Structure formats: structure tokens, C-alpha cells
Amino acid sequence: TASMQIIAPVTAPAPSPVPVPVAAPAPLPVTSIEPEPGMPIAIPTPRPAYDSVMLRGSMPANGG
């Protein structure tokens, strides 16, 4: 019984990390580069705080 219980939990976590990376490339980074003509998100790079936020990953690149 112990052998069967060990195989079950090993098969569950395996397929879990698979759908995660697949969902990332779905939206494509192109949308983030040019979202709208009046909403510059990846353009304001000279901002010191912007770099800190991006490195942190706590807040969205949009600034909240």
C-alpha cells in the first residue's frame, strides 16, 4: 500500500508545472510593448523607481 501511495503524489505535481509556462507565452510580449497609443508602459524606462519595481516583481509594470 505504501508503494502505491508514493506513485500517486509523484504523478500529480508533474503535470502541474506544465500548464504554467504554457499560459505565459499565450498573451505574447508584443501586447506589453505596444498596448495603446496613449498608454506608454514599457517606454518610461528612465524612471529610477520603475527599475526598482520591475526588479521587485511585487507591483505591476503599469505602476498599479
Protein backbone atom coordinates (compact mmCIF):
# COMPACT_ATOMS: atom_id res chain seq x y z
CA THR A 1 0.00 0.00 0.00
CA ALA A 2 2.90 2.37 0.80
CA SER A 3 4.37 1.85 -2.67
CA MET A 4 1.10 2.81 -4.41
CA GLN A 5 0.70 5.94 -2.25
CA ILE A 6 4.15 7.19 -3.28
CA ILE A 7 3.41 6.86 -7.02
CA ALA A 8 0.13 8.80 -6.79
CA PRO A 9 1.57 12.07 -5.36
CA VAL A 10 4.51 11.97 -7.79
CA THR A 11 2.24 11.93 -10.85
CA ALA A 12 0.07 14.83 -9.63
CA PRO A 13 2.80 17.52 -9.20
CA ALA A 14 4.40 16.58 -12.54
CA PRO A 15 1.61 17.86 -14.88
CA SER A 16 1.04 20.87 -12.61
CA PRO A 17 4.13 22.92 -13.65
CA VAL A 18 3.46 22.12 -17.33
CA PRO A 19 0.34 24.33 -17.87
CA VAL A 20 2.01 27.22 -16.03
CA PRO A 21 4.73 28.06 -18.63
CA VAL A 22 2.29 27.37 -21.48
CA ALA A 23 -0.05 30.13 -20.26
CA ALA A 24 2.79 32.69 -20.17
CA PRO A 25 3.59 32.77 -23.93
CA ALA A 26 -0.14 32.83 -24.71
CA PRO A 27 -0.62 36.62 -24.27
CA LEU A 28 2.62 37.28 -26.20
CA PRO A 29 5.07 40.03 -25.12
CA VAL A 30 4.07 42.12 -28.16
CA THR A 31 0.92 43.29 -26.35
CA SER A 32 3.05 44.55 -23.46
CA ILE A 33 5.37 46.51 -25.78
CA GLU A 34 2.65 48.45 -27.64
CA PRO A 35 -0.56 48.33 -25.58
CA GLU A 36 -2.15 51.57 -26.82
CA PRO A 37 -1.11 54.86 -28.48
CA GLY A 38 -1.91 56.75 -25.26
CA MET A 39 -0.72 54.25 -22.67
CA PRO A 40 3.12 54.08 -22.68
CA ILE A 41 4.02 51.29 -20.26
CA ALA A 42 7.42 49.94 -21.36
CA ILE A 43 8.52 53.38 -22.63
CA PRO A 44 9.13 55.20 -19.29
CA THR A 45 12.41 53.40 -18.55
CA PRO A 46 14.49 56.41 -17.37
CA ARG A 47 12.50 56.31 -14.13
CA PRO A 48 14.63 55.10 -11.16
CA ALA A 49 11.59 53.82 -9.27
CA TYR A 50 10.40 51.94 -12.36
CA ASP A 51 13.54 49.80 -12.36
CA SER A 52 13.12 49.04 -8.65
CA VAL A 53 9.51 47.96 -9.11
CA MET A 54 10.35 45.75 -12.09
CA LEU A 55 13.20 44.07 -10.21
CA ARG A 56 10.99 43.58 -7.18
CA GLY A 57 8.09 41.98 -9.03
CA SER A 58 5.72 42.98 -6.20
CA MET A 59 3.89 45.66 -8.20
CA PRO A 60 2.78 45.53 -11.87
CA ALA A 61 4.88 47.28 -14.53
CA ASN A 62 1.90 49.58 -15.14
CA GLY A 63 2.54 51.16 -11.72
CA GLY A 64 -0.60 49.83 -10.11
